[in-house]
Amino acid sequence: EGTACMLEAMAARPSSDATLAALDIPACVLVGEHDALTPPSEAAHMAGLLRHAELRVIPDAGHLSNLEAPDVFNAHLRGFLAAIA
């Protein structure tokens, strides 16, 4: 029942496209190659809406790429943070 309610709420939420497009900040969109919840195509869409975004796809990882491939995830995150520091 709880999962059904969560899925209904997610399906009914409004689009965030306008919010993302309005942001004027550096952003790093990290996505697992096999992410079924937020697939790489959706991550690419989000990165495309952001003005200053970079998209990084983490090979052989799913939705929890930070846990599934922590070394690759952290390397991308560190690189992004170093570039904007």
N, C-alpha and C. Protein backbone atom coordinates (compact mmCIF):
# COMPACT_ATOMS: atom_id res chain seq x y z
N GLU A 1 0.82 -1.19 0.00
CA GLU A 1 0.00 0.00 0.00
C GLU A 1 0.87 1.26 0.00
N GLY A 2 1.92 1.24 0.80
CA GLY A 2 2.82 2.40 0.86
C GLY A 2 3.51 2.64 -0.47
N THR A 3 3.95 1.58 -1.12
CA THR A 3 4.60 1.72 -2.42
C THR A 3 3.63 2.25 -3.46
N ALA A 4 2.40 1.76 -3.44
CA ALA A 4 1.39 2.24 -4.38
C ALA A 4 1.14 3.73 -4.20
N CYS A 5 1.05 4.18 -2.97
CA CYS A 5 0.85 5.62 -2.69
C CYS A 5 2.03 6.44 -3.18
N MET A 6 3.23 5.94 -2.98
CA MET A 6 4.42 6.66 -3.42
C MET A 6 4.43 6.78 -4.95
N LEU A 7 4.11 5.69 -5.64
CA LEU A 7 4.10 5.72 -7.09
C LEU A 7 3.02 6.66 -7.63
N GLU A 8 1.86 6.67 -6.99
CA GLU A 8 0.80 7.59 -7.40
C GLU A 8 1.24 9.04 -7.22
N ALA A 9 1.89 9.33 -6.12
CA ALA A 9 2.37 10.69 -5.88
C ALA A 9 3.42 11.09 -6.90
N MET A 10 4.32 10.18 -7.24
CA MET A 10 5.35 10.48 -8.23
C MET A 10 4.72 10.72 -9.60
N ALA A 11 3.72 9.94 -9.95
CA ALA A 11 3.07 10.09 -11.25
C ALA A 11 2.31 11.41 -11.36
N ALA A 12 1.82 11.91 -10.24
CA ALA A 12 1.00 13.13 -10.24
C ALA A 12 1.81 14.41 -10.08
N ARG A 13 3.09 14.28 -9.77
CA ARG A 13 3.85 15.51 -9.53
C ARG A 13 4.07 16.28 -10.84
N PRO A 14 4.15 17.60 -10.74
CA PRO A 14 4.33 18.41 -11.95
C PRO A 14 5.75 18.29 -12.50
N SER A 15 5.89 18.65 -13.74
CA SER A 15 7.19 18.62 -14.40
C SER A 15 8.14 19.63 -13.76
N SER A 16 9.41 19.28 -13.69
CA SER A 16 10.43 20.19 -13.16
C SER A 16 11.23 20.85 -14.27
N ASP A 17 10.81 20.66 -15.52
CA ASP A 17 11.58 21.18 -16.65
C ASP A 17 11.81 22.69 -16.55
N ALA A 18 10.78 23.46 -16.25
CA ALA A 18 10.93 24.92 -16.18
C ALA A 18 11.89 25.32 -15.06
N THR A 19 11.83 24.61 -13.95
CA THR A 19 12.72 24.90 -12.82
C THR A 19 14.16 24.64 -13.21
N LEU A 20 14.41 23.50 -13.85
CA LEU A 20 15.77 23.17 -14.27
C LEU A 20 16.28 24.19 -15.29
N ALA A 21 15.44 24.55 -16.23
CA ALA A 21 15.85 25.50 -17.28
C ALA A 21 16.15 26.88 -16.71
N ALA A 22 15.55 27.22 -15.59
CA ALA A 22 15.76 28.54 -14.98
C ALA A 22 17.03 28.61 -14.14
N LEU A 23 17.59 27.49 -13.80
CA LEU A 23 18.79 27.49 -12.95
C LEU A 23 20.01 27.98 -13.72
N ASP A 24 20.80 28.80 -13.10
CA ASP A 24 22.02 29.32 -13.71
C ASP A 24 23.20 28.99 -12.80
N ILE A 25 23.40 27.71 -12.59
CA ILE A 25 24.46 27.21 -11.70
C ILE A 25 25.13 26.01 -12.36
N PRO A 26 26.36 25.73 -11.99
CA PRO A 26 27.00 24.52 -12.49
C PRO A 26 26.28 23.28 -11.94
N ALA A 27 26.17 22.27 -12.76
CA ALA A 27 25.50 21.05 -12.32
C ALA A 27 26.20 19.83 -12.93
N CYS A 28 26.21 18.78 -12.17
CA CYS A 28 26.75 17.51 -12.65
C CYS A 28 25.63 16.48 -12.52
N VAL A 29 25.22 15.92 -13.64
CA VAL A 29 24.18 14.90 -13.66
C VAL A 29 24.87 13.55 -13.80
N LEU A 30 24.79 12.76 -12.75
CA LEU A 30 25.40 11.43 -12.73
C LEU A 30 24.30 10.39 -12.84
N VAL A 31 24.48 9.41 -13.71
CA VAL A 31 23.46 8.38 -13.90
C VAL A 31 24.14 7.04 -14.19
N GLY A 32 23.55 6.00 -13.66
CA GLY A 32 24.04 4.66 -13.96
C GLY A 32 23.60 4.22 -15.34
N GLU A 33 24.46 3.54 -16.03
CA GLU A 33 24.18 3.06 -17.38
C GLU A 33 22.90 2.22 -17.44
N HIS A 34 22.62 1.47 -16.39
CA HIS A 34 21.47 0.58 -16.35
C HIS A 34 20.39 1.07 -15.37
N ASP A 35 20.34 2.36 -15.12
CA ASP A 35 19.36 2.92 -14.19
C ASP A 35 17.97 2.79 -14.81
N ALA A 36 17.10 2.02 -14.18
CA ALA A 36 15.74 1.82 -14.69
C ALA A 36 14.78 2.87 -14.16
N LEU A 37 15.08 3.49 -13.03
CA LEU A 37 14.19 4.50 -12.45
C LEU A 37 14.38 5.87 -13.10
N THR A 38 15.62 6.25 -13.31
CA THR A 38 15.95 7.48 -14.01
C THR A 38 16.95 7.10 -15.10
N PRO A 39 16.46 6.62 -16.23
CA PRO A 39 17.35 6.11 -17.26
C PRO A 39 18.26 7.20 -17.85
N PRO A 40 19.36 6.79 -18.46
CA PRO A 40 20.27 7.77 -19.05
C PRO A 40 19.59 8.75 -20.00
N SER A 41 18.56 8.31 -20.71
CA SER A 41 17.85 9.24 -21.61
C SER A 41 17.18 10.36 -20.82
N GLU A 42 16.63 10.04 -19.66
CA GLU A 42 16.00 11.06 -18.81
C GLU A 42 17.06 11.97 -18.19
N ALA A 43 18.18 11.39 -17.78
CA ALA A 43 19.29 12.18 -17.24
C ALA A 43 19.82 13.14 -18.31
N ALA A 44 19.91 12.67 -19.55
CA ALA A 44 20.36 13.53 -20.64
C ALA A 44 19.37 14.66 -20.88
N HIS A 45 18.09 14.38 -20.74
CA HIS A 45 17.07 15.42 -20.87
C HIS A 45 17.26 16.48 -19.78
N MET A 46 17.47 16.04 -18.55
CA MET A 46 17.68 16.98 -17.45
C MET A 46 18.93 17.81 -17.69
N ALA A 47 20.02 17.16 -18.09
CA ALA A 47 21.27 17.89 -18.34
C ALA A 47 21.10 18.88 -19.47
N GLY A 48 20.29 18.53 -20.46
CA GLY A 48 20.04 19.43 -21.58
C GLY A 48 19.25 20.66 -21.19
N LEU A 49 18.44 20.55 -20.16
CA LEU A 49 17.66 21.70 -19.69
C LEU A 49 18.52 22.67 -18.87
N LEU A 50 19.49 22.14 -18.18
CA LEU A 50 20.36 22.96 -17.33
C LEU A 50 21.36 23.73 -18.20
N ARG A 51 21.61 24.97 -17.85
CA ARG A 51 22.48 25.82 -18.67
C ARG A 51 23.95 25.41 -18.61
N HIS A 52 24.39 24.97 -17.45
CA HIS A 52 25.82 24.68 -17.25
C HIS A 52 25.97 23.28 -16.66
N ALA A 53 25.52 22.29 -17.40
CA ALA A 53 25.54 20.93 -16.87
C ALA A 53 26.51 20.04 -17.64
N GLU A 54 27.03 19.09 -16.92
CA GLU A 54 27.76 18.01 -17.56
C GLU A 54 27.07 16.71 -17.17
N LEU A 55 27.01 15.81 -18.12
CA LEU A 55 26.37 14.51 -17.91
C LEU A 55 27.46 13.44 -17.87
N ARG A 56 27.41 12.60 -16.86
CA ARG A 56 28.35 11.50 -16.74
C ARG A 56 27.55 10.21 -16.53
N VAL A 57 27.76 9.26 -17.43
CA VAL A 57 27.11 7.95 -17.33
C VAL A 57 28.10 6.97 -16.72
N ILE A 58 27.68 6.31 -15.67
CA ILE A 58 28.56 5.39 -14.96
C ILE A 58 28.31 3.98 -15.47
N PRO A 59 29.31 3.37 -16.11
CA PRO A 59 29.14 2.05 -16.71
C PRO A 59 28.80 0.98 -15.67
N ASP A 60 28.00 0.02 -16.10
CA ASP A 60 27.68 -1.16 -15.29
C ASP A 60 27.06 -0.82 -13.94
N ALA A 61 26.34 0.28 -13.85
CA ALA A 61 25.68 0.68 -12.60
C ALA A 61 24.22 0.95 -12.86
N GLY A 62 23.43 0.82 -11.80
CA GLY A 62 22.00 1.10 -11.89
C GLY A 62 21.66 2.39 -11.18
N HIS A 63 20.51 2.42 -10.51
CA HIS A 63 20.02 3.64 -9.87
C HIS A 63 20.87 4.08 -8.68
N LEU A 64 21.50 3.14 -8.02
CA LEU A 64 22.34 3.49 -6.86
C LEU A 64 23.82 3.46 -7.26
N SER A 65 24.14 4.22 -8.29
CA SER A 65 25.49 4.20 -8.84
C SER A 65 26.55 4.59 -7.82
N ASN A 66 26.19 5.43 -6.85
CA ASN A 66 27.17 5.81 -5.83
C ASN A 66 27.54 4.62 -4.94
N LEU A 67 26.66 3.65 -4.82
CA LEU A 67 26.95 2.44 -4.04
C LEU A 67 27.48 1.31 -4.92
N GLU A 68 27.00 1.25 -6.16
CA GLU A 68 27.38 0.17 -7.06
C GLU A 68 28.76 0.38 -7.67
N ALA A 69 29.13 1.62 -7.90
CA ALA A 69 30.43 1.94 -8.50
C ALA A 69 30.99 3.18 -7.81
N PRO A 70 31.27 3.07 -6.51
CA PRO A 70 31.66 4.27 -5.75
C PRO A 70 32.94 4.93 -6.25
N ASP A 71 33.91 4.17 -6.72
CA ASP A 71 35.15 4.78 -7.19
C ASP A 71 34.91 5.66 -8.42
N VAL A 72 34.12 5.16 -9.36
CA VAL A 72 33.83 5.93 -10.58
C VAL A 72 32.95 7.13 -10.23
N PHE A 73 31.91 6.89 -9.43
CA PHE A 73 31.02 7.98 -9.01
C PHE A 73 31.82 9.09 -8.33
N ASN A 74 32.65 8.72 -7.36
CA ASN A 74 33.43 9.71 -6.61
C ASN A 74 34.44 10.43 -7.49
N ALA A 75 35.02 9.73 -8.45
CA ALA A 75 35.97 10.38 -9.37
C ALA A 75 35.26 11.45 -10.19
N HIS A 76 34.07 11.14 -10.69
CA HIS A 76 33.31 12.14 -11.45
C HIS A 76 32.93 13.32 -10.55
N LEU A 77 32.47 13.03 -9.36
CA LEU A 77 32.05 14.09 -8.45
C LEU A 77 33.24 14.96 -8.05
N ARG A 78 34.36 14.34 -7.72
CA ARG A 78 35.56 15.12 -7.36
C ARG A 78 36.03 16.00 -8.52
N GLY A 79 36.01 15.43 -9.72
CA GLY A 79 36.41 16.21 -10.89
C GLY A 79 35.52 17.41 -11.10
N PHE A 80 34.21 17.22 -10.95
CA PHE A 80 33.26 18.31 -11.10
C PHE A 80 33.51 19.38 -10.04
N LEU A 81 33.64 18.97 -8.80
CA LEU A 81 33.88 19.93 -7.71
C LEU A 81 35.19 20.68 -7.89
N ALA A 82 36.22 20.00 -8.35
CA ALA A 82 37.52 20.66 -8.58
C ALA A 82 37.40 21.70 -9.69
N ALA A 83 36.59 21.39 -10.70
CA ALA A 83 36.45 22.31 -11.84
C ALA A 83 35.70 23.57 -11.46
N ILE A 84 34.81 23.49 -10.48
CA ILE A 84 34.03 24.68 -10.13
C ILE A 84 34.57 25.40 -8.90
N ALA A 85 35.58 24.82 -8.26
CA ALA A 85 36.14 25.43 -7.05
C ALA A 85 36.97 26.66 -7.37
